[in-house]
Amino acid sequence: MRLDKYLKVSRLIKRRSVAKDAADGGRISINGKTAKAASEVKLGDLLEIGFGDKAVKVEIVEIRETVRAEDASKMYRSLG
């Protein structure tokens, strides 16, 4: 699955266009490497997302095309 779509479906970022801008701006990395919006994500990948002066680190534990809002947080595990 594309990175920007995963971020939207998992609700780490609310809109796919915002996820694309963040990725293309170099604020998202997959396994320590800067990622683009079209980068493919897979189970076990470690994502680091920069939000201003904060960074969110998560591990992908599930990939689904659609998910209910209350189940979205089950798609990743927060690493701090």
PDB file of N, CA and C in Angstrom:
ATOM      1  N   MET A   1       0.839  -1.174   0.000  1.00  0.00           N
ATOM      2  CA  MET A   1       0.000   0.000   0.000  1.00  0.00           C
ATOM      3  C   MET A   1       0.892   1.248   0.000  1.00  0.00           C
ATOM      4  N   ARG A   2       0.438   2.280  -0.689  1.00  0.00           N
ATOM      5  CA  ARG A   2       1.175   3.545  -0.718  1.00  0.00           C
ATOM      6  C   ARG A   2       1.206   4.179   0.671  1.00  0.00           C
ATOM      7  N   LEU A   3       2.279   4.864   0.972  1.00  0.00           N
ATOM      8  CA  LEU A   3       2.455   5.515   2.266  1.00  0.00           C
ATOM      9  C   LEU A   3       1.342   6.516   2.547  1.00  0.00           C
ATOM     10  N   ASP A   4       1.027   7.387   1.585  1.00  0.00           N
ATOM     11  CA  ASP A   4       0.011   8.404   1.847  1.00  0.00           C
ATOM     12  C   ASP A   4      -1.355   7.796   2.122  1.00  0.00           C
ATOM     13  N   LYS A   5      -1.685   6.722   1.437  1.00  0.00           N
ATOM     14  CA  LYS A   5      -2.966   6.056   1.674  1.00  0.00           C
ATOM     15  C   LYS A   5      -2.972   5.382   3.045  1.00  0.00           C
ATOM     16  N   TYR A   6      -1.872   4.741   3.414  1.00  0.00           N
ATOM     17  CA  TYR A   6      -1.799   4.099   4.735  1.00  0.00           C
ATOM     18  C   TYR A   6      -1.992   5.126   5.857  1.00  0.00           C
ATOM     19  N   LEU A   7      -1.351   6.266   5.727  1.00  0.00           N
ATOM     20  CA  LEU A   7      -1.461   7.294   6.764  1.00  0.00           C
ATOM     21  C   LEU A   7      -2.896   7.784   6.899  1.00  0.00           C
ATOM     22  N   LYS A   8      -3.616   7.888   5.791  1.00  0.00           N
ATOM     23  CA  LYS A   8      -5.018   8.316   5.837  1.00  0.00           C
ATOM     24  C   LYS A   8      -5.903   7.220   6.426  1.00  0.00           C
ATOM     25  N   VAL A   9      -5.755   5.985   5.941  1.00  0.00           N
ATOM     26  CA  VAL A   9      -6.601   4.887   6.412  1.00  0.00           C
ATOM     27  C   VAL A   9      -6.384   4.631   7.908  1.00  0.00           C
ATOM     28  N   SER A  10      -5.138   4.708   8.357  1.00  0.00           N
ATOM     29  CA  SER A  10      -4.829   4.475   9.769  1.00  0.00           C
ATOM     30  C   SER A  10      -5.141   5.694  10.633  1.00  0.00           C
ATOM     31  N   ARG A  11      -5.472   6.799   9.974  1.00  0.00           N
ATOM     32  CA  ARG A  11      -5.809   8.055  10.631  1.00  0.00           C
ATOM     33  C   ARG A  11      -4.655   8.655  11.430  1.00  0.00           C
ATOM     34  N   LEU A  12      -3.426   8.331  11.036  1.00  0.00           N
ATOM     35  CA  LEU A  12      -2.269   9.029  11.602  1.00  0.00           C
ATOM     36  C   LEU A  12      -2.254  10.462  11.078  1.00  0.00           C
ATOM     37  N   ILE A  13      -2.697  10.640   9.829  1.00  0.00           N
ATOM     38  CA  ILE A  13      -2.892  11.960   9.225  1.00  0.00           C
ATOM     39  C   ILE A  13      -4.280  11.944   8.602  1.00  0.00           C
ATOM     40  N   LYS A  14      -5.050  13.003   8.819  1.00  0.00           N
ATOM     41  CA  LYS A  14      -6.467  12.991   8.450  1.00  0.00           C
ATOM     42  C   LYS A  14      -6.756  12.992   6.957  1.00  0.00           C
ATOM     43  N   ARG A  15      -5.933  13.686   6.171  1.00  0.00           N
ATOM     44  CA  ARG A  15      -6.198  13.770   4.740  1.00  0.00           C
ATOM     45  C   ARG A  15      -5.016  13.252   3.937  1.00  0.00           C
ATOM     46  N   ARG A  16      -5.331  12.590   2.832  1.00  0.00           N
ATOM     47  CA  ARG A  16      -4.275  12.022   1.991  1.00  0.00           C
ATOM     48  C   ARG A  16      -3.409  13.118   1.383  1.00  0.00           C
ATOM     49  N   SER A  17      -4.008  14.252   1.048  1.00  0.00           N
ATOM     50  CA  SER A  17      -3.223  15.349   0.466  1.00  0.00           C
ATOM     51  C   SER A  17      -2.225  15.901   1.490  1.00  0.00           C
ATOM     52  N   VAL A  18      -2.609  15.948   2.754  1.00  0.00           N
ATOM     53  CA  VAL A  18      -1.697  16.412   3.806  1.00  0.00           C
ATOM     54  C   VAL A  18      -0.572  15.393   3.990  1.00  0.00           C
ATOM     55  N   ALA A  19      -0.909  14.107   3.924  1.00  0.00           N
ATOM     56  CA  ALA A  19       0.096  13.049   4.035  1.00  0.00           C
ATOM     57  C   ALA A  19       1.084  13.141   2.872  1.00  0.00           C
ATOM     58  N   LYS A  20       0.578  13.419   1.674  1.00  0.00           N
ATOM     59  CA  LYS A  20       1.448  13.553   0.498  1.00  0.00           C
ATOM     60  C   LYS A  20       2.398  14.736   0.670  1.00  0.00           C
ATOM     61  N   ASP A  21       1.875  15.864   1.128  1.00  0.00           N
ATOM     62  CA  ASP A  21       2.716  17.050   1.343  1.00  0.00           C
ATOM     63  C   ASP A  21       3.788  16.788   2.391  1.00  0.00           C
ATOM     64  N   ALA A  22       3.424  16.099   3.473  1.00  0.00           N
ATOM     65  CA  ALA A  22       4.395  15.791   4.534  1.00  0.00           C
ATOM     66  C   ALA A  22       5.494  14.874   4.010  1.00  0.00           C
ATOM     67  N   ALA A  23       5.103  13.863   3.254  1.00  0.00           N
ATOM     68  CA  ALA A  23       6.086  12.923   2.709  1.00  0.00           C
ATOM     69  C   ALA A  23       7.001  13.613   1.701  1.00  0.00           C
ATOM     70  N   ASP A  24       6.422  14.356   0.786  1.00  0.00           N
ATOM     71  CA  ASP A  24       7.220  15.033  -0.236  1.00  0.00           C
ATOM     72  C   ASP A  24       8.089  16.140   0.370  1.00  0.00           C
ATOM     73  N   GLY A  25       7.717  16.619   1.555  1.00  0.00           N
ATOM     74  CA  GLY A  25       8.509  17.624   2.253  1.00  0.00           C
ATOM     75  C   GLY A  25       9.623  17.030   3.096  1.00  0.00           C
ATOM     76  N   GLY A  26       9.764  15.706   3.067  1.00  0.00           N
ATOM     77  CA  GLY A  26      10.845  15.043   3.789  1.00  0.00           C
ATOM     78  C   GLY A  26      10.600  14.871   5.275  1.00  0.00           C
ATOM     79  N   ARG A  27       9.348  14.957   5.717  1.00  0.00           N
ATOM     80  CA  ARG A  27       9.059  14.847   7.145  1.00  0.00           C
ATOM     81  C   ARG A  27       8.667  13.446   7.578  1.00  0.00           C
ATOM     82  N   ILE A  28       8.688  12.478   6.660  1.00  0.00           N
ATOM     83  CA  ILE A  28       8.323  11.103   6.987  1.00  0.00           C
ATOM     84  C   ILE A  28       9.446  10.176   6.540  1.00  0.00           C
ATOM     85  N   SER A  29       9.798   9.232   7.416  1.00  0.00           N
ATOM     86  CA  SER A  29      10.800   8.236   7.034  1.00  0.00           C
ATOM     87  C   SER A  29      10.253   6.839   7.299  1.00  0.00           C
ATOM     88  N   ILE A  30      10.693   5.907   6.463  1.00  0.00           N
ATOM     89  CA  ILE A  30      10.360   4.492   6.616  1.00  0.00           C
ATOM     90  C   ILE A  30      11.665   3.762   6.885  1.00  0.00           C
ATOM     91  N   ASN A  31      11.745   3.104   8.025  1.00  0.00           N
ATOM     92  CA  ASN A  31      12.944   2.367   8.424  1.00  0.00           C
ATOM     93  C   ASN A  31      14.208   3.228   8.328  1.00  0.00           C
ATOM     94  N   GLY A  32      14.086   4.502   8.718  1.00  0.00           N
ATOM     95  CA  GLY A  32      15.233   5.400   8.750  1.00  0.00           C
ATOM     96  C   GLY A  32      15.569   6.089   7.441  1.00  0.00           C
ATOM     97  N   LYS A  33      14.827   5.801   6.375  1.00  0.00           N
ATOM     98  CA  LYS A  33      15.089   6.421   5.076  1.00  0.00           C
ATOM     99  C   LYS A  33      13.943   7.360   4.719  1.00  0.00           C
ATOM    100  N   THR A  34      14.268   8.536   4.225  1.00  0.00           N
ATOM    101  CA  THR A  34      13.243   9.503   3.833  1.00  0.00           C
ATOM    102  C   THR A  34      12.338   8.880   2.782  1.00  0.00           C
ATOM    103  N   ALA A  35      11.027   9.065   2.975  1.00  0.00           N
ATOM    104  CA  ALA A  35      10.048   8.415   2.105  1.00  0.00           C
ATOM    105  C   ALA A  35       9.276   9.433   1.285  1.00  0.00           C
ATOM    106  N   LYS A  36       8.835   9.011   0.129  1.00  0.00           N
ATOM    107  CA  LYS A  36       7.941   9.794  -0.714  1.00  0.00           C
ATOM    108  C   LYS A  36       6.520   9.253  -0.540  1.00  0.00           C
ATOM    109  N   ALA A  37       5.530  10.007  -0.995  1.00  0.00           N
ATOM    110  CA  ALA A  37       4.132   9.620  -0.844  1.00  0.00           C
ATOM    111  C   ALA A  37       3.837   8.275  -1.513  1.00  0.00           C
ATOM    112  N   ALA A  38       4.508   7.975  -2.608  1.00  0.00           N
ATOM    113  CA  ALA A  38       4.255   6.736  -3.349  1.00  0.00           C
ATOM    114  C   ALA A  38       5.055   5.548  -2.825  1.00  0.00           C
ATOM    115  N   SER A  39       5.859   5.749  -1.789  1.00  0.00           N
ATOM    116  CA  SER A  39       6.633   4.642  -1.221  1.00  0.00           C
ATOM    117  C   SER A  39       5.694   3.565  -0.709  1.00  0.00           C
ATOM    118  N   GLU A  40       6.069   2.316  -0.916  1.00  0.00           N
ATOM    119  CA  GLU A  40       5.251   1.196  -0.448  1.00  0.00           C
ATOM    120  C   GLU A  40       5.582   0.880   1.009  1.00  0.00           C
ATOM    121  N   VAL A  41       4.550   0.636   1.808  1.00  0.00           N
ATOM    122  CA  VAL A  41       4.748   0.220   3.197  1.00  0.00           C
ATOM    123  C   VAL A  41       4.332  -1.246   3.323  1.00  0.00           C
ATOM    124  N   LYS A  42       4.964  -1.940   4.265  1.00  0.00           N
ATOM    125  CA  LYS A  42       4.630  -3.341   4.503  1.00  0.00           C
ATOM    126  C   LYS A  42       4.658  -3.610   6.000  1.00  0.00           C
ATOM    127  N   LEU A  43       4.166  -4.765   6.394  1.00  0.00           N
ATOM    128  CA  LEU A  43       4.132  -5.123   7.811  1.00  0.00           C
ATOM    129  C   LEU A  43       5.528  -5.071   8.412  1.00  0.00           C
ATOM    130  N   GLY A  44       5.623  -4.519   9.615  1.00  0.00           N
ATOM    131  CA  GLY A  44       6.898  -4.448  10.303  1.00  0.00           C
ATOM    132  C   GLY A  44       7.696  -3.189  10.032  1.00  0.00           C
ATOM    133  N   ASP A  45       7.291  -2.393   9.050  1.00  0.00           N
ATOM    134  CA  ASP A  45       8.000  -1.140   8.772  1.00  0.00           C
ATOM    135  C   ASP A  45       7.869  -0.187   9.954  1.00  0.00           C
ATOM    136  N   LEU A  46       8.928   0.593  10.183  1.00  0.00           N
ATOM    137  CA  LEU A  46       8.927   1.609  11.223  1.00  0.00           C
ATOM    138  C   LEU A  46       8.787   2.968  10.561  1.00  0.00           C
ATOM    139  N   LEU A  47       7.739   3.704  10.933  1.00  0.00           N
ATOM    140  CA  LEU A  47       7.493   5.032  10.385  1.00  0.00           C
ATOM    141  C   LEU A  47       7.843   6.077  11.420  1.00  0.00           C
ATOM    142  N   GLU A  48       8.477   7.146  10.984  1.00  0.00           N
ATOM    143  CA  GLU A  48       8.710   8.299  11.837  1.00  0.00           C
ATOM    144  C   GLU A  48       8.155   9.517  11.105  1.00  0.00           C
ATOM    145  N   ILE A  49       7.217  10.194  11.772  1.00  0.00           N
ATOM    146  CA  ILE A  49       6.524  11.325  11.166  1.00  0.00           C
ATOM    147  C   ILE A  49       6.830  12.568  11.982  1.00  0.00           C
ATOM    148  N   GLY A  50       7.352  13.592  11.329  1.00  0.00           N
ATOM    149  CA  GLY A  50       7.663  14.851  12.009  1.00  0.00           C
ATOM    150  C   GLY A  50       6.486  15.804  11.976  1.00  0.00           C
ATOM    151  N   PHE A  51       6.020  16.202  13.164  1.00  0.00           N
ATOM    152  CA  PHE A  51       4.949  17.196  13.303  1.00  0.00           C
ATOM    153  C   PHE A  51       5.551  18.394  14.029  1.00  0.00           C
ATOM    154  N   GLY A  52       6.022  19.385  13.284  1.00  0.00           N
ATOM    155  CA  GLY A  52       6.652  20.539  13.916  1.00  0.00           C
ATOM    156  C   GLY A  52       7.903  20.115  14.661  1.00  0.00           C
ATOM    157  N   ASP A  53       7.926  20.341  15.978  1.00  0.00           N
ATOM    158  CA  ASP A  53       9.089  19.953  16.775  1.00  0.00           C
ATOM    159  C   ASP A  53       8.918  18.592  17.435  1.00  0.00           C
ATOM    160  N   LYS A  54       7.800  17.904  17.155  1.00  0.00           N
ATOM    161  CA  LYS A  54       7.554  16.574  17.707  1.00  0.00           C
ATOM    162  C   LYS A  54       7.696  15.522  16.610  1.00  0.00           C
ATOM    163  N   ALA A  55       7.998  14.304  17.037  1.00  0.00           N
ATOM    164  CA  ALA A  55       8.069  13.188  16.085  1.00  0.00           C
ATOM    165  C   ALA A  55       7.250  12.029  16.634  1.00  0.00           C
ATOM    166  N   VAL A  56       6.494  11.400  15.755  1.00  0.00           N
ATOM    167  CA  VAL A  56       5.701  10.229  16.120  1.00  0.00           C
ATOM    168  C   VAL A  56       6.357   9.019  15.485  1.00  0.00           C
ATOM    169  N   LYS A  57       6.627   7.990  16.294  1.00  0.00           N
ATOM    170  CA  LYS A  57       7.225   6.756  15.782  1.00  0.00           C
ATOM    171  C   LYS A  57       6.234   5.621  15.977  1.00  0.00           C
ATOM    172  N   VAL A  58       5.971   4.888  14.893  1.00  0.00           N
ATOM    173  CA  VAL A  58       5.041   3.762  14.950  1.00  0.00           C
ATOM    174  C   VAL A  58       5.586   2.592  14.132  1.00  0.00           C
ATOM    175  N   GLU A  59       5.120   1.397  14.492  1.00  0.00           N
ATOM    176  CA  GLU A  59       5.422   0.187  13.727  1.00  0.00           C
ATOM    177  C   GLU A  59       4.128  -0.283  13.088  1.00  0.00           C
ATOM    178  N   ILE A  60       4.177  -0.617  11.807  1.00  0.00           N
ATOM    179  CA  ILE A  60       2.997  -1.093  11.095  1.00  0.00           C
ATOM    180  C   ILE A  60       2.741  -2.547  11.484  1.00  0.00           C
ATOM    181  N   VAL A  61       1.538  -2.805  12.020  1.00  0.00           N
ATOM    182  CA  VAL A  61       1.190  -4.172  12.411  1.00  0.00           C
ATOM    183  C   VAL A  61       0.029  -4.736  11.589  1.00  0.00           C
ATOM    184  N   GLU A  62      -0.621  -3.874  10.800  1.00  0.00           N
ATOM    185  CA  GLU A  62      -1.733  -4.343   9.973  1.00  0.00           C
ATOM    186  C   GLU A  62      -1.910  -3.388   8.800  1.00  0.00           C
ATOM    187  N   ILE A  63      -2.226  -3.939   7.639  1.00  0.00           N
ATOM    188  CA  ILE A  63      -2.506  -3.127   6.458  1.00  0.00           C
ATOM    189  C   ILE A  63      -3.860  -3.556   5.918  1.00  0.00           C
ATOM    190  N   ARG A  64      -4.791  -2.596   5.834  1.00  0.00           N
ATOM    191  CA  ARG A  64      -6.132  -2.855   5.304  1.00  0.00           C
ATOM    192  C   ARG A  64      -6.541  -1.698   4.417  1.00  0.00           C
ATOM    193  N   GLU A  65      -7.342  -1.983   3.401  1.00  0.00           N
ATOM    194  CA  GLU A  65      -7.794  -0.951   2.468  1.00  0.00           C
ATOM    195  C   GLU A  65      -8.783   0.011   3.126  1.00  0.00           C
ATOM    196  N   THR A  66      -9.660  -0.516   3.953  1.00  0.00           N
ATOM    197  CA  THR A  66     -10.622   0.314   4.677  1.00  0.00           C
ATOM    198  C   THR A  66     -10.696  -0.176   6.110  1.00  0.00           C
ATOM    199  N   VAL A  67     -11.027   0.743   7.014  1.00  0.00           N
ATOM    200  CA  VAL A  67     -11.128   0.383   8.424  1.00  0.00           C
ATOM    201  C   VAL A  67     -12.054   1.379   9.104  1.00  0.00           C
ATOM    202  N   ARG A  68     -12.799   0.915  10.092  1.00  0.00           N
ATOM    203  CA  ARG A  68     -13.667   1.800  10.861  1.00  0.00           C
ATOM    204  C   ARG A  68     -12.800   2.682  11.758  1.00  0.00           C
ATOM    205  N   ALA A  69     -13.294   3.859  12.067  1.00  0.00           N
ATOM    206  CA  ALA A  69     -12.521   4.839  12.847  1.00  0.00           C
ATOM    207  C   ALA A  69     -12.043   4.267  14.176  1.00  0.00           C
ATOM    208  N   GLU A  70     -12.881   3.522  14.857  1.00  0.00           N
ATOM    209  CA  GLU A  70     -12.497   2.996  16.170  1.00  0.00           C
ATOM    210  C   GLU A  70     -11.462   1.869  16.083  1.00  0.00           C
ATOM    211  N   ASP A  71     -11.284   1.289  14.906  1.00  0.00           N
ATOM    212  CA  ASP A  71     -10.298   0.219  14.722  1.00  0.00           C
ATOM    213  C   ASP A  71      -9.003   0.705  14.070  1.00  0.00           C
ATOM    214  N   ALA A  72      -8.949   1.966  13.677  1.00  0.00           N
ATOM    215  CA  ALA A  72      -7.790   2.489  12.941  1.00  0.00           C
ATOM    216  C   ALA A  72      -6.508   2.400  13.760  1.00  0.00           C
ATOM    217  N   SER A  73      -6.569   2.626  15.058  1.00  0.00           N
ATOM    218  CA  SER A  73      -5.363   2.610  15.887  1.00  0.00           C
ATOM    219  C   SER A  73      -4.786   1.204  16.044  1.00  0.00           C
ATOM    220  N   LYS A  74      -5.525   0.187  15.642  1.00  0.00           N
ATOM    221  CA  LYS A  74      -5.018  -1.190  15.700  1.00  0.00           C
ATOM    222  C   LYS A  74      -4.098  -1.511  14.530  1.00  0.00           C
ATOM    223  N   MET A  75      -3.990  -0.578  13.573  1.00  0.00           N
ATOM    224  CA  MET A  75      -3.159  -0.800  12.403  1.00  0.00           C
ATOM    225  C   MET A  75      -1.669  -0.522  12.668  1.00  0.00           C
ATOM    226  N   TYR A  76      -1.380   0.095  13.805  1.00  0.00           N
ATOM    227  CA  TYR A  76      -0.001   0.433  14.138  1.00  0.00           C
ATOM    228  C   TYR A  76       0.224   0.317  15.638  1.00  0.00           C
ATOM    229  N   ARG A  77       1.503   0.222  16.020  1.00  0.00           N
ATOM    230  CA  ARG A  77       1.885   0.187  17.428  1.00  0.00           C
ATOM    231  C   ARG A  77       2.804   1.372  17.683  1.00  0.00           C
ATOM    232  N   SER A  78       2.416   2.196  18.641  1.00  0.00           N
ATOM    233  CA  SER A  78       3.200   3.394  18.950  1.00  0.00           C
ATOM    234  C   SER A  78       4.503   3.020  19.642  1.00  0.00           C
ATOM    235  N   LEU A  79       5.593   3.643  19.207  1.00  0.00           N
ATOM    236  CA  LEU A  79       6.904   3.372  19.785  1.00  0.00           C
ATOM    237  C   LEU A  79       7.434   4.561  20.593  1.00  0.00           C
ATOM    238  N   GLY A  80       6.585   5.541  20.812  1.00  0.00           N
ATOM    239  CA  GLY A  80       6.994   6.661  21.661  1.00  0.00           C
ATOM    240  C   GLY A  80       7.080   7.965  20.987  1.00  0.00           C
TER     241      GLY A  80
END
